[in-house]
């Protein structure tokens, strides 16, 4: 089983890494948890939710994880069972923050005294959520750097290359927002839980800090969303402008060539008494005539500032 425990005189922290069916069966035997809550722990990528019971609170949160291979933001699920004497956390193993914190408390007496000697596991829960939130900020910084890179390259004639980069950043922002969208409501419900037996009166200020940081993360995502949308519109405008400029040039060339083709077609007719035909240098006379017409069109277009 992937069950690990840290037990002190006052608290018990049980952490399960990549839960198996046997691990959930163990929880069902040891604790009086609702079967639907236990079932949710085995289903991959649940929607964030919170359920309140007389003797415990169960809630699910999802956190973003950056996949370096695909450069995509993925979702990682953490399940919490909170009671007055214990905290049970269940992770899907996609991010190491929770496991690292567990090992820190297990192997460091100072950390164990700092986070595990309180009379209530809510302080331990606060530190876990605080660290999980800190885990998200480097990803926000990475997205911000990608947006700055797009800003630097957008006027360097790389519009077509930037289309893929812009869509990639937009997808990551959308995924990030989807993952973090329910955090604010879950934290508010946790703070306003009717079962005040589980919530220490002094912890409200701590969870208010968690709530503020959640709002900060959402505000950063909103700003990044607006920025990348603006850059996408700018990039599309530049692409459209360049395409229009190319089409204008091709159209002007076609218009210039029309009279030349007309003259060449006329003098290519097998008709008698064609002017200039049979004269010395007749070919060069006709060719000069064609070039003169083309030159007149070019001068006209330049005066109109179409060229």
Protein backbone atom coordinates (compact mmCIF):
# COMPACT_ATOMS: atom_id res chain seq x y z
CA UNK A 1 0.00 0.00 0.00
CA UNK A 2 1.08 3.58 -0.62
CA UNK A 3 -0.07 4.76 2.83
CA UNK A 4 2.36 6.83 4.93
CA UNK A 5 1.70 8.23 8.39
CA UNK A 6 3.11 10.83 10.73
CA UNK A 7 1.66 10.59 14.22
CA UNK A 8 2.17 12.85 17.22
CA UNK A 9 0.37 13.00 20.55
CA UNK A 10 -2.22 15.34 19.16
CA UNK A 11 -2.38 14.80 15.41
CA UNK A 12 -2.22 12.16 12.71
CA UNK A 13 -1.33 12.96 9.13
CA UNK A 14 -1.97 10.13 6.69
CA UNK A 15 -0.77 10.61 3.14
CA UNK A 16 -1.56 8.29 0.23
CA UNK A 17 0.47 8.56 -2.95
CA UNK A 18 -1.29 7.23 -6.07
CA UNK A 19 -4.13 5.47 -4.24
CA UNK A 20 -4.98 1.89 -5.10
CA UNK A 21 -8.19 0.01 -4.45
CA UNK A 22 -6.55 -1.62 -1.42
CA UNK A 23 -5.67 1.79 0.02
CA UNK A 24 -9.27 2.97 -0.26
CA UNK A 25 -10.51 -0.26 1.30
CA UNK A 26 -8.17 0.38 4.22
CA UNK A 27 -9.69 3.84 4.72
CA UNK A 28 -13.17 2.36 4.57
CA UNK A 29 -12.28 -0.05 7.41
CA UNK A 30 -10.45 2.46 9.60
CA UNK A 31 -12.78 5.46 9.16
CA UNK A 32 -16.47 6.06 8.80
CA UNK A 33 -16.25 7.83 5.48
CA UNK A 34 -19.09 8.07 3.02
CA UNK A 35 -18.70 5.50 0.20
CA UNK A 36 -19.16 8.17 -2.47
CA UNK A 37 -16.23 10.15 -1.04
CA UNK A 38 -14.02 7.09 -1.12
CA UNK A 39 -15.16 6.32 -4.64
CA UNK A 40 -14.24 9.85 -5.74
CA UNK A 41 -10.69 9.26 -4.55
CA UNK A 42 -10.20 6.54 -7.17
CA UNK A 43 -11.70 8.45 -10.08
CA UNK A 44 -9.06 10.40 -11.97
CA UNK A 45 -9.45 14.17 -12.25
CA UNK A 46 -12.58 14.94 -10.27
CA UNK A 47 -14.14 18.35 -10.27
CA UNK A 48 -13.32 20.41 -7.16
CA UNK A 49 -15.97 19.88 -4.53
CA UNK A 50 -16.58 19.96 -0.79
CA UNK A 51 -18.83 17.83 1.41
CA UNK A 52 -19.50 18.46 5.10
CA UNK A 53 -20.38 15.72 7.59
CA UNK A 54 -20.90 15.71 11.38
CA UNK A 55 -17.44 14.28 12.07
CA UNK A 56 -15.32 15.23 9.04
CA UNK A 57 -15.05 17.43 5.96
CA UNK A 58 -14.11 16.04 2.56
CA UNK A 59 -13.01 18.24 -0.30
CA UNK A 60 -11.17 17.96 -3.61
CA UNK A 61 -8.89 20.55 -5.17
CA UNK A 62 -7.07 20.46 -8.48
CA UNK A 63 -3.74 22.15 -9.11
CA UNK A 64 -1.88 22.90 -12.34
CA UNK A 65 1.20 20.88 -13.28
CA UNK A 66 3.55 21.79 -16.11
CA UNK A 67 4.46 18.95 -18.47
CA UNK A 68 7.94 19.76 -19.76
CA UNK A 69 7.71 17.31 -22.67
CA UNK A 70 4.49 18.64 -24.14
CA UNK A 71 4.80 22.16 -22.67
CA UNK A 72 1.19 21.88 -21.53
CA UNK A 73 -0.56 22.69 -18.26
CA UNK A 74 -2.16 19.55 -16.83
CA UNK A 75 -4.42 18.98 -13.84
CA UNK A 76 -3.34 17.24 -10.64
CA UNK A 77 -5.87 16.22 -8.01
CA UNK A 78 -5.49 16.33 -4.22
CA UNK A 79 -8.19 14.91 -1.92
CA UNK A 80 -8.54 15.96 1.72
CA UNK A 81 -10.27 14.34 4.69
CA UNK A 82 -10.25 16.75 7.63
CA UNK A 83 -11.31 15.95 11.17
CA UNK A 84 -10.49 17.32 14.62
CA UNK A 85 -7.71 14.76 15.17
CA UNK A 86 -6.42 13.83 11.75
CA UNK A 87 -5.75 14.97 8.23
CA UNK A 88 -5.74 12.55 5.31
CA UNK A 89 -4.34 13.67 1.97
CA UNK A 90 -4.48 11.69 -1.26
CA UNK A 91 -2.51 12.75 -4.34
CA UNK A 92 -2.30 11.38 -7.86
CA UNK A 93 1.50 11.71 -7.86
CA UNK A 94 1.77 14.28 -10.65
CA UNK A 95 3.43 16.90 -8.46
CA UNK A 96 6.03 16.37 -5.78
CA UNK A 97 5.21 19.33 -3.51
CA UNK A 98 2.97 17.37 -1.15
CA UNK A 99 5.32 14.38 -0.98
CA UNK A 100 8.31 16.65 -0.32
CA UNK A 101 6.50 18.41 2.51
CA UNK A 102 5.50 15.07 4.04
CA UNK A 103 9.12 13.87 3.93
CA UNK A 104 10.27 17.16 5.43
CA UNK A 105 8.01 16.78 8.45
CA UNK A 106 8.81 13.10 8.78
CA UNK A 107 12.58 13.58 8.75
CA UNK A 108 12.91 17.01 10.36
CA UNK A 109 12.06 17.39 14.03
CA UNK A 110 11.89 21.17 13.81
CA UNK A 111 9.31 21.02 11.00
CA UNK A 112 7.35 18.36 12.86
CA UNK A 113 7.20 20.51 15.98
CA UNK A 114 6.28 23.57 13.96
CA UNK A 115 3.42 22.04 11.96
CA UNK A 116 2.24 19.00 13.92
CA UNK A 117 2.12 20.11 17.58
CA UNK A 118 -0.96 22.29 17.24
CA UNK A 119 -4.23 21.13 18.74
CA UNK A 120 -5.93 21.09 15.38
CA UNK A 121 -4.92 19.79 11.92
CA UNK A 122 -6.30 22.91 10.27
CA UNK A 123 -2.92 24.61 10.75
CA UNK A 124 -1.25 21.74 8.95
CA UNK A 125 -3.87 22.00 6.20
CA UNK A 126 -3.11 25.71 5.83
CA UNK A 127 0.59 25.05 5.32
CA UNK A 128 -0.14 22.35 2.73
CA UNK A 129 -2.45 24.62 0.75
CA UNK A 130 0.02 27.48 1.08
CA UNK A 131 2.80 25.36 -0.44
CA UNK A 132 0.55 24.02 -3.18
CA UNK A 133 -0.32 27.60 -4.11
CA UNK A 134 3.36 28.54 -4.14
CA UNK A 135 3.87 25.70 -6.60
CA UNK A 136 1.66 27.49 -9.13
CA UNK A 137 3.53 30.82 -9.22
CA UNK A 138 6.56 29.62 -11.24
CA UNK A 139 4.12 28.41 -13.90
CA UNK A 140 2.48 31.83 -13.96
CA UNK A 141 5.94 33.39 -14.34
CA UNK A 142 6.71 30.98 -17.18
CA UNK A 143 3.51 31.95 -19.00
CA UNK A 144 4.40 35.61 -18.43
CA UNK A 145 7.84 35.06 -19.97
CA UNK A 146 6.24 33.38 -22.99
CA UNK A 147 3.98 36.41 -23.44
CA UNK A 148 6.96 38.79 -23.18
CA UNK A 149 8.83 36.73 -25.77
CA UNK A 150 5.84 37.01 -28.12
CA UNK A 151 5.76 40.76 -27.50
CA UNK A 152 9.43 41.07 -28.52
CA UNK A 153 9.05 38.97 -31.66
CA UNK A 154 5.71 40.21 -32.93
CA UNK A 155 7.11 43.13 -35.00
CA UNK A 156 10.09 41.26 -36.37
CA UNK A 157 8.38 39.69 -39.35
CA UNK A 158 7.69 36.38 -37.55
CA UNK A 159 3.91 36.62 -37.58
CA UNK A 160 3.29 33.19 -39.10
CA UNK A 161 5.66 31.48 -36.65
CA UNK A 162 4.00 33.22 -33.72
CA UNK A 163 0.52 31.89 -34.54
CA UNK A 164 1.36 28.50 -33.02
CA UNK A 165 3.13 30.05 -30.01
CA UNK A 166 0.19 32.34 -29.27
CA UNK A 167 -2.32 29.50 -29.48
CA UNK A 168 -0.08 27.39 -27.24
CA UNK A 169 0.03 30.10 -24.55
CA UNK A 170 -3.73 30.68 -24.85
CA UNK A 171 -4.40 26.99 -24.31
CA UNK A 172 -2.22 26.93 -21.19
CA UNK A 173 -3.98 29.98 -19.77
CA UNK A 174 -7.40 28.44 -20.45
CA UNK A 175 -6.33 25.17 -18.79
CA UNK A 176 -4.84 27.05 -15.83
CA UNK A 177 -8.07 29.01 -15.35
CA UNK A 178 -10.20 25.88 -15.61
CA UNK A 179 -8.10 24.14 -12.95
CA UNK A 180 -8.10 27.08 -10.51
CA UNK A 181 -11.63 28.28 -11.19
CA UNK A 182 -13.33 26.59 -8.22
CA UNK A 183 -10.65 27.26 -5.59
CA UNK A 184 -12.18 30.49 -4.32
CA UNK A 185 -15.59 28.93 -3.72
CA UNK A 186 -14.12 25.83 -2.06
CA UNK A 187 -12.03 27.92 0.34
CA UNK A 188 -15.00 30.15 1.15
CA UNK A 189 -17.16 27.11 1.91
CA UNK A 190 -14.38 25.67 4.04
CA UNK A 191 -14.14 28.90 6.04
CA UNK A 192 -17.92 29.09 6.42
CA UNK A 193 -18.40 25.43 7.31
CA UNK A 194 -21.24 24.96 9.77
CA UNK A 195 -19.20 22.36 11.60
CA UNK A 196 -17.22 24.97 13.50
CA UNK A 197 -15.84 22.20 15.67
CA UNK A 198 -13.26 21.63 12.95
CA UNK A 199 -12.38 25.26 12.39
CA UNK A 200 -10.18 27.00 14.92
CA UNK A 201 -11.25 30.61 15.50
CA UNK A 202 -7.71 31.90 14.93
CA UNK A 203 -7.36 30.17 11.57
CA UNK A 204 -9.73 32.50 9.72
CA UNK A 205 -6.98 35.04 9.11
CA UNK A 206 -4.76 32.31 7.64
CA UNK A 207 -7.39 31.05 5.26
CA UNK A 208 -8.26 34.64 4.38
CA UNK A 209 -4.65 34.84 3.20
CA UNK A 210 -5.14 31.67 1.13
CA UNK A 211 -8.29 33.21 -0.34
CA UNK A 212 -6.47 36.45 -1.20
CA UNK A 213 -3.66 34.52 -2.89
CA UNK A 214 -6.28 32.62 -4.88
CA UNK A 215 -7.73 35.92 -6.04
CA UNK A 216 -4.24 37.16 -6.90
CA UNK A 217 -3.61 34.07 -9.03
CA UNK A 218 -6.94 34.60 -10.80
CA UNK A 219 -6.16 38.30 -11.39
CA UNK A 220 -2.78 37.39 -12.90
CA UNK A 221 -4.50 34.88 -15.18
CA UNK A 222 -7.05 37.51 -16.21
CA UNK A 223 -4.26 39.96 -17.08
CA UNK A 224 -2.37 37.30 -19.03
CA UNK A 225 -5.53 36.36 -20.87
CA UNK A 226 -6.13 39.98 -21.90
CA UNK A 227 -2.49 40.40 -22.97
CA UNK A 228 -2.36 37.27 -25.12
CA UNK A 229 -5.71 38.15 -26.71
CA UNK A 230 -4.37 41.61 -27.56
CA UNK A 231 -1.19 40.13 -29.04
CA UNK A 232 -3.22 37.63 -31.04
CA UNK A 233 -5.33 40.43 -32.51
CA UNK A 234 -2.18 42.43 -33.29
CA UNK A 235 -0.51 39.43 -34.90
CA UNK A 236 -3.59 38.66 -37.00
CA UNK A 237 -3.77 42.31 -38.07
CA UNK A 238 -0.12 42.22 -39.15
CA UNK A 239 -0.68 39.00 -41.10
CA UNK A 240 -3.77 40.51 -42.75
CA UNK A 241 -1.86 43.70 -43.57
CA UNK A 242 1.01 41.79 -45.17
CA UNK A 243 -1.39 39.62 -47.16
CA UNK A 244 -3.27 42.70 -48.35
CA UNK A 245 0.02 44.35 -49.30
CA UNK A 246 1.06 41.27 -51.27
CA UNK A 247 -2.33 41.07 -52.99
CA UNK A 248 -2.13 44.77 -53.88
CA UNK A 249 1.31 44.30 -55.43
CA UNK A 250 0.18 41.27 -57.41
CA UNK A 251 -2.94 43.13 -58.57
CA UNK A 252 -0.88 46.12 -59.75
CA UNK A 253 1.50 43.83 -61.64
CA UNK A 254 -1.49 42.13 -63.28
CA UNK A 255 -2.99 45.47 -64.29
CA UNK A 256 0.33 46.63 -65.75
CA UNK A 257 0.64 43.43 -67.76
CA UNK A 258 -2.90 43.61 -69.20
CA UNK A 259 -2.18 46.31 -71.84
CA UNK A 260 1.13 44.65 -72.69
CA UNK A 261 -0.67 41.37 -73.27
CA UNK A 262 -3.33 43.19 -75.33
CA UNK A 263 -0.73 44.83 -77.58
CA UNK A 264 1.14 41.55 -77.99
CA UNK A 265 -2.12 39.77 -78.85
CA UNK A 266 -3.08 42.40 -81.44
CA UNK A 267 0.28 42.30 -83.20
CA UNK A 268 0.22 38.52 -83.03
CA UNK A 269 -2.87 38.38 -85.26
CA UNK A 270 -2.37 37.04 -88.81
CA UNK A 271 -3.97 40.08 -90.38
CA UNK A 272 -2.82 42.03 -93.39
CA UNK A 273 -1.69 45.68 -93.23
CA UNK A 274 -0.64 45.52 -89.56
CA UNK A 275 1.18 48.75 -88.61
CA UNK A 276 4.96 48.55 -88.13
CA UNK A 277 5.01 45.01 -89.49
CA UNK A 278 7.65 44.70 -92.19
CA UNK A 279 9.52 47.83 -91.19
CA UNK A 280 13.15 47.63 -90.14
CA UNK A 281 13.41 46.85 -86.43
CA UNK A 282 9.65 46.20 -86.28
CA UNK A 283 10.06 43.83 -83.35
CA UNK A 284 11.92 46.41 -81.28
CA UNK A 285 9.40 49.11 -82.20
CA UNK A 286 6.50 47.01 -80.92
CA UNK A 287 8.49 46.00 -77.82
CA UNK A 288 9.26 49.66 -77.12
CA UNK A 289 5.59 50.49 -77.52
CA UNK A 290 4.71 47.84 -74.93
CA UNK A 291 7.33 49.15 -72.48
CA UNK A 292 6.09 52.71 -72.92
CA UNK A 293 2.54 51.66 -72.02
CA UNK A 294 3.81 49.75 -68.98
CA UNK A 295 5.90 52.75 -67.93
CA UNK A 296 2.90 55.06 -68.19
CA UNK A 297 0.89 52.74 -65.92
CA UNK A 298 3.75 52.62 -63.41
CA UNK A 299 3.98 56.43 -63.37
CA UNK A 300 0.23 56.68 -62.90
CA UNK A 301 0.27 54.21 -59.97
CA UNK A 302 3.17 56.07 -58.36
CA UNK A 303 1.27 59.35 -58.56
CA UNK A 304 -1.69 57.65 -56.92
CA UNK A 305 0.71 56.28 -54.30
CA UNK A 306 -0.35 52.74 -55.01
CA UNK A 307 3.28 51.77 -55.45
